[in-house]
Amino acid sequence: MGLDTVEIVLWAENEFGVEIPDQEITNIYTVGEFATYIANKVNETKGTSFNYADILPKLLEVLELNYGVDKDKVTLNSRFVQDLGFD
């Protein structure tokens, strides 16, 4: 995992109050997969019923503010490394 990836995972852990083990995140490549993963992790941990659409606005905001990504050009299929330039 590159520094950008580590930072976005740390953001998610802090923002949503969950722990994300490295081995669980290694097979997540797209924005949609990450938003779905976070929603499922929050639901598992806190007994809520979030879905990716509940997570996506905050994720898009942090991508824009912290990484300079134009959130209007991000899709659920946008890949962090190949499309968004994460390392």
PDB file of N, CA and C in Angstrom:
ATOM      1  N   MET A   1       0.842  -1.187   0.000  1.00  0.00           N
ATOM      2  CA  MET A   1       0.000   0.000   0.000  1.00  0.00           C
ATOM      3  C   MET A   1       0.880   1.240   0.000  1.00  0.00           C
ATOM      4  N   GLY A   2       0.502   2.176  -0.839  1.00  0.00           N
ATOM      5  CA  GLY A   2       1.211   3.443  -0.868  1.00  0.00           C
ATOM      6  C   GLY A   2       0.704   4.389   0.208  1.00  0.00           C
ATOM      7  N   LEU A   3       1.375   5.498   0.348  1.00  0.00           N
ATOM      8  CA  LEU A   3       1.027   6.477   1.380  1.00  0.00           C
ATOM      9  C   LEU A   3      -0.391   7.007   1.209  1.00  0.00           C
ATOM     10  N   ASP A   4      -0.794   7.310  -0.023  1.00  0.00           N
ATOM     11  CA  ASP A   4      -2.157   7.804  -0.249  1.00  0.00           C
ATOM     12  C   ASP A   4      -3.191   6.781   0.208  1.00  0.00           C
ATOM     13  N   THR A   5      -2.933   5.535  -0.105  1.00  0.00           N
ATOM     14  CA  THR A   5      -3.868   4.473   0.279  1.00  0.00           C
ATOM     15  C   THR A   5      -3.951   4.340   1.791  1.00  0.00           C
ATOM     16  N   VAL A   6      -2.806   4.376   2.445  1.00  0.00           N
ATOM     17  CA  VAL A   6      -2.786   4.303   3.914  1.00  0.00           C
ATOM     18  C   VAL A   6      -3.566   5.471   4.510  1.00  0.00           C
ATOM     19  N   GLU A   7      -3.363   6.661   3.957  1.00  0.00           N
ATOM     20  CA  GLU A   7      -4.056   7.849   4.473  1.00  0.00           C
ATOM     21  C   GLU A   7      -5.563   7.753   4.302  1.00  0.00           C
ATOM     22  N   ILE A   8      -6.038   7.267   3.161  1.00  0.00           N
ATOM     23  CA  ILE A   8      -7.494   7.182   2.952  1.00  0.00           C
ATOM     24  C   ILE A   8      -8.105   6.120   3.865  1.00  0.00           C
ATOM     25  N   VAL A   9      -7.368   5.058   4.133  1.00  0.00           N
ATOM     26  CA  VAL A   9      -7.845   4.032   5.072  1.00  0.00           C
ATOM     27  C   VAL A   9      -7.899   4.606   6.483  1.00  0.00           C
ATOM     28  N   LEU A  10      -6.866   5.342   6.888  1.00  0.00           N
ATOM     29  CA  LEU A  10      -6.868   5.978   8.217  1.00  0.00           C
ATOM     30  C   LEU A  10      -8.013   6.977   8.344  1.00  0.00           C
ATOM     31  N   TRP A  11      -8.269   7.729   7.271  1.00  0.00           N
ATOM     32  CA  TRP A  11      -9.398   8.652   7.289  1.00  0.00           C
ATOM     33  C   TRP A  11     -10.699   7.900   7.538  1.00  0.00           C
ATOM     34  N   ALA A  12     -10.910   6.808   6.816  1.00  0.00           N
ATOM     35  CA  ALA A  12     -12.145   6.030   6.966  1.00  0.00           C
ATOM     36  C   ALA A  12     -12.276   5.476   8.379  1.00  0.00           C
ATOM     37  N   GLU A  13     -11.174   4.982   8.924  1.00  0.00           N
ATOM     38  CA  GLU A  13     -11.212   4.457  10.292  1.00  0.00           C
ATOM     39  C   GLU A  13     -11.630   5.545  11.279  1.00  0.00           C
ATOM     40  N   ASN A  14     -11.034   6.721  11.146  1.00  0.00           N
ATOM     41  CA  ASN A  14     -11.359   7.831  12.047  1.00  0.00           C
ATOM     42  C   ASN A  14     -12.758   8.380  11.808  1.00  0.00           C
ATOM     43  N   GLU A  15     -13.118   8.541  10.559  1.00  0.00           N
ATOM     44  CA  GLU A  15     -14.420   9.134  10.204  1.00  0.00           C
ATOM     45  C   GLU A  15     -15.590   8.259  10.640  1.00  0.00           C
ATOM     46  N   PHE A  16     -15.434   6.946  10.491  1.00  0.00           N
ATOM     47  CA  PHE A  16     -16.558   6.049  10.731  1.00  0.00           C
ATOM     48  C   PHE A  16     -16.395   5.172  11.966  1.00  0.00           C
ATOM     49  N   GLY A  17     -15.276   5.324  12.676  1.00  0.00           N
ATOM     50  CA  GLY A  17     -15.077   4.604  13.926  1.00  0.00           C
ATOM     51  C   GLY A  17     -14.970   3.104  13.776  1.00  0.00           C
ATOM     52  N   VAL A  18     -14.280   2.667  12.730  1.00  0.00           N
ATOM     53  CA  VAL A  18     -14.091   1.237  12.505  1.00  0.00           C
ATOM     54  C   VAL A  18     -12.601   0.946  12.335  1.00  0.00           C
ATOM     55  N   GLU A  19     -12.242  -0.301  12.497  1.00  0.00           N
ATOM     56  CA  GLU A  19     -10.874  -0.740  12.256  1.00  0.00           C
ATOM     57  C   GLU A  19     -10.849  -1.511  10.950  1.00  0.00           C
ATOM     58  N   ILE A  20      -9.903  -1.153  10.083  1.00  0.00           N
ATOM     59  CA  ILE A  20      -9.803  -1.788   8.773  1.00  0.00           C
ATOM     60  C   ILE A  20      -8.455  -2.496   8.681  1.00  0.00           C
ATOM     61  N   PRO A  21      -8.457  -3.818   8.830  1.00  0.00           N
ATOM     62  CA  PRO A  21      -7.209  -4.568   8.741  1.00  0.00           C
ATOM     63  C   PRO A  21      -6.619  -4.494   7.325  1.00  0.00           C
ATOM     64  N   ASP A  22      -5.296  -4.425   7.247  1.00  0.00           N
ATOM     65  CA  ASP A  22      -4.611  -4.339   5.954  1.00  0.00           C
ATOM     66  C   ASP A  22      -5.013  -5.473   5.015  1.00  0.00           C
ATOM     67  N   GLN A  23      -5.118  -6.682   5.532  1.00  0.00           N
ATOM     68  CA  GLN A  23      -5.420  -7.823   4.676  1.00  0.00           C
ATOM     69  C   GLN A  23      -6.810  -7.738   4.053  1.00  0.00           C
ATOM     70  N   GLU A  24      -7.717  -6.990   4.660  1.00  0.00           N
ATOM     71  CA  GLU A  24      -9.060  -6.841   4.098  1.00  0.00           C
ATOM     72  C   GLU A  24      -9.105  -5.788   2.999  1.00  0.00           C
ATOM     73  N   ILE A  25      -8.205  -4.859   3.012  1.00  0.00           N
ATOM     74  CA  ILE A  25      -8.246  -3.745   2.078  1.00  0.00           C
ATOM     75  C   ILE A  25      -7.443  -4.025   0.803  1.00  0.00           C
ATOM     76  N   THR A  26      -6.607  -5.046   0.814  1.00  0.00           N
ATOM     77  CA  THR A  26      -5.707  -5.281  -0.310  1.00  0.00           C
ATOM     78  C   THR A  26      -6.408  -5.629  -1.615  1.00  0.00           C
ATOM     79  N   ASN A  27      -7.635  -6.121  -1.579  1.00  0.00           N
ATOM     80  CA  ASN A  27      -8.355  -6.488  -2.794  1.00  0.00           C
ATOM     81  C   ASN A  27      -9.431  -5.476  -3.169  1.00  0.00           C
ATOM     82  N   ILE A  28      -9.349  -4.279  -2.630  1.00  0.00           N
ATOM     83  CA  ILE A  28     -10.295  -3.216  -2.959  1.00  0.00           C
ATOM     84  C   ILE A  28      -9.592  -2.243  -3.895  1.00  0.00           C
ATOM     85  N   TYR A  29     -10.173  -2.063  -5.072  1.00  0.00           N
ATOM     86  CA  TYR A  29      -9.513  -1.252  -6.088  1.00  0.00           C
ATOM     87  C   TYR A  29     -10.292  -0.011  -6.494  1.00  0.00           C
ATOM     88  N   THR A  30     -11.612  -0.046  -6.366  1.00  0.00           N
ATOM     89  CA  THR A  30     -12.421   1.064  -6.869  1.00  0.00           C
ATOM     90  C   THR A  30     -13.085   1.853  -5.747  1.00  0.00           C
ATOM     91  N   VAL A  31     -13.527   3.035  -6.087  1.00  0.00           N
ATOM     92  CA  VAL A  31     -14.244   3.898  -5.145  1.00  0.00           C
ATOM     93  C   VAL A  31     -15.514   3.198  -4.659  1.00  0.00           C
ATOM     94  N   GLY A  32     -16.236   2.565  -5.565  1.00  0.00           N
ATOM     95  CA  GLY A  32     -17.464   1.857  -5.190  1.00  0.00           C
ATOM     96  C   GLY A  32     -17.205   0.697  -4.249  1.00  0.00           C
ATOM     97  N   GLU A  33     -16.142  -0.062  -4.523  1.00  0.00           N
ATOM     98  CA  GLU A  33     -15.785  -1.176  -3.638  1.00  0.00           C
ATOM     99  C   GLU A  33     -15.427  -0.661  -2.247  1.00  0.00           C
ATOM    100  N   PHE A  34     -14.696   0.450  -2.197  1.00  0.00           N
ATOM    101  CA  PHE A  34     -14.291   1.004  -0.906  1.00  0.00           C
ATOM    102  C   PHE A  34     -15.496   1.528  -0.128  1.00  0.00           C
ATOM    103  N   ALA A  35     -16.391   2.248  -0.807  1.00  0.00           N
ATOM    104  CA  ALA A  35     -17.589   2.765  -0.137  1.00  0.00           C
ATOM    105  C   ALA A  35     -18.454   1.623   0.380  1.00  0.00           C
ATOM    106  N   THR A  36     -18.596   0.575  -0.405  1.00  0.00           N
ATOM    107  CA  THR A  36     -19.384  -0.592   0.017  1.00  0.00           C
ATOM    108  C   THR A  36     -18.709  -1.290   1.190  1.00  0.00           C
ATOM    109  N   TYR A  37     -17.397  -1.443   1.120  1.00  0.00           N
ATOM    110  CA  TYR A  37     -16.649  -2.073   2.208  1.00  0.00           C
ATOM    111  C   TYR A  37     -16.849  -1.296   3.514  1.00  0.00           C
ATOM    112  N   ILE A  38     -16.702   0.031   3.442  1.00  0.00           N
ATOM    113  CA  ILE A  38     -16.866   0.856   4.651  1.00  0.00           C
ATOM    114  C   ILE A  38     -18.268   0.689   5.219  1.00  0.00           C
ATOM    115  N   ALA A  39     -19.285   0.763   4.356  1.00  0.00           N
ATOM    116  CA  ALA A  39     -20.670   0.614   4.821  1.00  0.00           C
ATOM    117  C   ALA A  39     -20.860  -0.731   5.507  1.00  0.00           C
ATOM    118  N   ASN A  40     -20.362  -1.787   4.903  1.00  0.00           N
ATOM    119  CA  ASN A  40     -20.494  -3.123   5.497  1.00  0.00           C
ATOM    120  C   ASN A  40     -19.744  -3.222   6.820  1.00  0.00           C
ATOM    121  N   LYS A  41     -18.562  -2.615   6.891  1.00  0.00           N
ATOM    122  CA  LYS A  41     -17.770  -2.650   8.117  1.00  0.00           C
ATOM    123  C   LYS A  41     -18.476  -1.883   9.241  1.00  0.00           C
ATOM    124  N   VAL A  42     -19.035  -0.729   8.914  1.00  0.00           N
ATOM    125  CA  VAL A  42     -19.778   0.054   9.908  1.00  0.00           C
ATOM    126  C   VAL A  42     -20.995  -0.738  10.376  1.00  0.00           C
ATOM    127  N   ASN A  43     -21.714  -1.344   9.447  1.00  0.00           N
ATOM    128  CA  ASN A  43     -22.898  -2.134   9.813  1.00  0.00           C
ATOM    129  C   ASN A  43     -22.521  -3.303  10.714  1.00  0.00           C
ATOM    130  N   GLU A  44     -21.442  -3.977  10.376  1.00  0.00           N
ATOM    131  CA  GLU A  44     -20.970  -5.120  11.158  1.00  0.00           C
ATOM    132  C   GLU A  44     -20.562  -4.693  12.571  1.00  0.00           C
ATOM    133  N   THR A  45     -19.906  -3.544  12.660  1.00  0.00           N
ATOM    134  CA  THR A  45     -19.374  -3.065  13.930  1.00  0.00           C
ATOM    135  C   THR A  45     -20.433  -2.409  14.800  1.00  0.00           C
ATOM    136  N   LYS A  46     -21.324  -1.652  14.168  1.00  0.00           N
ATOM    137  CA  LYS A  46     -22.255  -0.819  14.933  1.00  0.00           C
ATOM    138  C   LYS A  46     -23.718  -1.233  14.817  1.00  0.00           C
ATOM    139  N   GLY A  47     -23.996  -2.255  14.024  1.00  0.00           N
ATOM    140  CA  GLY A  47     -25.371  -2.726  13.891  1.00  0.00           C
ATOM    141  C   GLY A  47     -26.283  -1.764  13.146  1.00  0.00           C
ATOM    142  N   THR A  48     -25.720  -0.999  12.233  1.00  0.00           N
ATOM    143  CA  THR A  48     -26.503  -0.047  11.444  1.00  0.00           C
ATOM    144  C   THR A  48     -26.876  -0.674  10.106  1.00  0.00           C
ATOM    145  N   SER A  49     -27.490   0.117   9.252  1.00  0.00           N
ATOM    146  CA  SER A  49     -27.870  -0.400   7.929  1.00  0.00           C
ATOM    147  C   SER A  49     -27.475   0.585   6.829  1.00  0.00           C
ATOM    148  N   PHE A  50     -26.218   0.995   6.842  1.00  0.00           N
ATOM    149  CA  PHE A  50     -25.705   1.868   5.795  1.00  0.00           C
ATOM    150  C   PHE A  50     -25.496   1.088   4.507  1.00  0.00           C
ATOM    151  N   ASN A  51     -25.484   1.814   3.384  1.00  0.00           N
ATOM    152  CA  ASN A  51     -25.037   1.237   2.126  1.00  0.00           C
ATOM    153  C   ASN A  51     -24.034   2.206   1.513  1.00  0.00           C
ATOM    154  N   TYR A  52     -23.488   1.840   0.363  1.00  0.00           N
ATOM    155  CA  TYR A  52     -22.432   2.658  -0.233  1.00  0.00           C
ATOM    156  C   TYR A  52     -22.873   4.099  -0.469  1.00  0.00           C
ATOM    157  N   ALA A  53     -24.147   4.315  -0.781  1.00  0.00           N
ATOM    158  CA  ALA A  53     -24.638   5.662  -1.070  1.00  0.00           C
ATOM    159  C   ALA A  53     -24.594   6.564   0.156  1.00  0.00           C
ATOM    160  N   ASP A  54     -24.624   5.997   1.341  1.00  0.00           N
ATOM    161  CA  ASP A  54     -24.509   6.778   2.571  1.00  0.00           C
ATOM    162  C   ASP A  54     -23.068   7.218   2.822  1.00  0.00           C
ATOM    163  N   ILE A  55     -22.126   6.445   2.353  1.00  0.00           N
ATOM    164  CA  ILE A  55     -20.703   6.703   2.566  1.00  0.00           C
ATOM    165  C   ILE A  55     -20.122   7.588   1.466  1.00  0.00           C
ATOM    166  N   LEU A  56     -20.613   7.427   0.264  1.00  0.00           N
ATOM    167  CA  LEU A  56     -20.028   8.057  -0.917  1.00  0.00           C
ATOM    168  C   LEU A  56     -19.852   9.573  -0.835  1.00  0.00           C
ATOM    169  N   PRO A  57     -20.821  10.358  -0.351  1.00  0.00           N
ATOM    170  CA  PRO A  57     -20.611  11.812  -0.308  1.00  0.00           C
ATOM    171  C   PRO A  57     -19.399  12.226   0.521  1.00  0.00           C
ATOM    172  N   LYS A  58     -19.198  11.602   1.667  1.00  0.00           N
ATOM    173  CA  LYS A  58     -18.039  11.936   2.501  1.00  0.00           C
ATOM    174  C   LYS A  58     -16.745  11.491   1.837  1.00  0.00           C
ATOM    175  N   LEU A  59     -16.777  10.337   1.196  1.00  0.00           N
ATOM    176  CA  LEU A  59     -15.596   9.841   0.502  1.00  0.00           C
ATOM    177  C   LEU A  59     -15.229  10.762  -0.659  1.00  0.00           C
ATOM    178  N   LEU A  60     -16.207  11.185  -1.434  1.00  0.00           N
ATOM    179  CA  LEU A  60     -15.943  12.100  -2.547  1.00  0.00           C
ATOM    180  C   LEU A  60     -15.397  13.430  -2.048  1.00  0.00           C
ATOM    181  N   GLU A  61     -15.924  13.890  -0.932  1.00  0.00           N
ATOM    182  CA  GLU A  61     -15.459  15.155  -0.357  1.00  0.00           C
ATOM    183  C   GLU A  61     -13.991  15.075   0.053  1.00  0.00           C
ATOM    184  N   VAL A  62     -13.610  13.998   0.714  1.00  0.00           N
ATOM    185  CA  VAL A  62     -12.216  13.865   1.143  1.00  0.00           C
ATOM    186  C   VAL A  62     -11.295  13.668  -0.059  1.00  0.00           C
ATOM    187  N   LEU A  63     -11.761  12.987  -1.086  1.00  0.00           N
ATOM    188  CA  LEU A  63     -10.950  12.836  -2.298  1.00  0.00           C
ATOM    189  C   LEU A  63     -10.686  14.192  -2.942  1.00  0.00           C
ATOM    190  N   GLU A  64     -11.689  15.038  -2.940  1.00  0.00           N
ATOM    191  CA  GLU A  64     -11.533  16.359  -3.540  1.00  0.00           C
ATOM    192  C   GLU A  64     -10.656  17.266  -2.662  1.00  0.00           C
ATOM    193  N   LEU A  65     -10.972  17.340  -1.376  1.00  0.00           N
ATOM    194  CA  LEU A  65     -10.273  18.271  -0.491  1.00  0.00           C
ATOM    195  C   LEU A  65      -8.829  17.862  -0.193  1.00  0.00           C
ATOM    196  N   ASN A  66      -8.603  16.585   0.016  1.00  0.00           N
ATOM    197  CA  ASN A  66      -7.275  16.135   0.442  1.00  0.00           C
ATOM    198  C   ASN A  66      -6.376  15.668  -0.694  1.00  0.00           C
ATOM    199  N   TYR A  67      -6.986  15.287  -1.820  1.00  0.00           N
ATOM    200  CA  TYR A  67      -6.191  14.696  -2.898  1.00  0.00           C
ATOM    201  C   TYR A  67      -6.363  15.414  -4.242  1.00  0.00           C
ATOM    202  N   GLY A  68      -7.170  16.475  -4.267  1.00  0.00           N
ATOM    203  CA  GLY A  68      -7.337  17.256  -5.481  1.00  0.00           C
ATOM    204  C   GLY A  68      -8.076  16.554  -6.597  1.00  0.00           C
ATOM    205  N   VAL A  69      -8.845  15.541  -6.265  1.00  0.00           N
ATOM    206  CA  VAL A  69      -9.608  14.791  -7.254  1.00  0.00           C
ATOM    207  C   VAL A  69     -10.907  15.542  -7.541  1.00  0.00           C
ATOM    208  N   ASP A  70     -11.227  15.731  -8.808  1.00  0.00           N
ATOM    209  CA  ASP A  70     -12.488  16.372  -9.194  1.00  0.00           C
ATOM    210  C   ASP A  70     -13.618  15.377  -8.942  1.00  0.00           C
ATOM    211  N   LYS A  71     -14.381  15.593  -7.872  1.00  0.00           N
ATOM    212  CA  LYS A  71     -15.397  14.612  -7.472  1.00  0.00           C
ATOM    213  C   LYS A  71     -16.472  14.414  -8.532  1.00  0.00           C
ATOM    214  N   ASP A  72     -16.667  15.379  -9.412  1.00  0.00           N
ATOM    215  CA  ASP A  72     -17.657  15.229 -10.474  1.00  0.00           C
ATOM    216  C   ASP A  72     -17.207  14.238 -11.540  1.00  0.00           C
ATOM    217  N   LYS A  73     -15.927  13.913 -11.558  1.00  0.00           N
ATOM    218  CA  LYS A  73     -15.407  12.967 -12.544  1.00  0.00           C
ATOM    219  C   LYS A  73     -15.191  11.572 -11.973  1.00  0.00           C
ATOM    220  N   VAL A  74     -15.469  11.398 -10.683  1.00  0.00           N
ATOM    221  CA  VAL A  74     -15.289  10.096 -10.042  1.00  0.00           C
ATOM    222  C   VAL A  74     -16.553   9.271 -10.219  1.00  0.00           C
ATOM    223  N   THR A  75     -16.376   8.011 -10.611  1.00  0.00           N
ATOM    224  CA  THR A  75     -17.498   7.075 -10.698  1.00  0.00           C
ATOM    225  C   THR A  75     -17.262   5.955  -9.694  1.00  0.00           C
ATOM    226  N   LEU A  76     -18.245   5.113  -9.521  1.00  0.00           N
ATOM    227  CA  LEU A  76     -18.085   3.968  -8.630  1.00  0.00           C
ATOM    228  C   LEU A  76     -16.984   3.036  -9.132  1.00  0.00           C
ATOM    229  N   ASN A  77     -16.748   3.049 -10.440  1.00  0.00           N
ATOM    230  CA  ASN A  77     -15.732   2.184 -11.029  1.00  0.00           C
ATOM    231  C   ASN A  77     -14.357   2.831 -11.125  1.00  0.00           C
ATOM    232  N   SER A  78     -14.224   4.066 -10.658  1.00  0.00           N
ATOM    233  CA  SER A  78     -12.912   4.730 -10.674  1.00  0.00           C
ATOM    234  C   SER A  78     -11.954   3.968  -9.771  1.00  0.00           C
ATOM    235  N   ARG A  79     -10.799   3.623 -10.312  1.00  0.00           N
ATOM    236  CA  ARG A  79      -9.785   2.880  -9.564  1.00  0.00           C
ATOM    237  C   ARG A  79      -8.839   3.879  -8.903  1.00  0.00           C
ATOM    238  N   PHE A  80      -8.538   3.621  -7.642  1.00  0.00           N
ATOM    239  CA  PHE A  80      -7.709   4.545  -6.875  1.00  0.00           C
ATOM    240  C   PHE A  80      -6.347   4.771  -7.528  1.00  0.00           C
ATOM    241  N   VAL A  81      -5.668   3.712  -7.894  1.00  0.00           N
ATOM    242  CA  VAL A  81      -4.309   3.858  -8.429  1.00  0.00           C
ATOM    243  C   VAL A  81      -4.336   4.287  -9.890  1.00  0.00           C
ATOM    244  N   GLN A  82      -5.008   3.539 -10.744  1.00  0.00           N
ATOM    245  CA  GLN A  82      -4.975   3.808 -12.169  1.00  0.00           C
ATOM    246  C   GLN A  82      -5.707   5.077 -12.585  1.00  0.00           C
ATOM    247  N   ASP A  83      -6.855   5.346 -11.973  1.00  0.00           N
ATOM    248  CA  ASP A  83      -7.680   6.486 -12.416  1.00  0.00           C
ATOM    249  C   ASP A  83      -7.483   7.752 -11.573  1.00  0.00           C
ATOM    250  N   LEU A  84      -7.245   7.584 -10.277  1.00  0.00           N
ATOM    251  CA  LEU A  84      -7.146   8.738  -9.384  1.00  0.00           C
ATOM    252  C   LEU A  84      -5.716   9.093  -9.009  1.00  0.00           C
ATOM    253  N   GLY A  85      -4.764   8.276  -9.435  1.00  0.00           N
ATOM    254  CA  GLY A  85      -3.367   8.589  -9.210  1.00  0.00           C
ATOM    255  C   GLY A  85      -2.844   8.298  -7.812  1.00  0.00           C
ATOM    256  N   PHE A  86      -3.544   7.467  -7.055  1.00  0.00           N
ATOM    257  CA  PHE A  86      -3.064   7.095  -5.716  1.00  0.00           C
ATOM    258  C   PHE A  86      -1.826   6.225  -5.851  1.00  0.00           C
ATOM    259  N   ASP A  87      -0.959   6.337  -4.843  1.00  0.00           N
ATOM    260  CA  ASP A  87       0.199   5.444  -4.830  1.00  0.00           C
ATOM    261  C   ASP A  87       0.025   4.374  -3.792  1.00  0.00           C
TER     262      ASP A  87
END
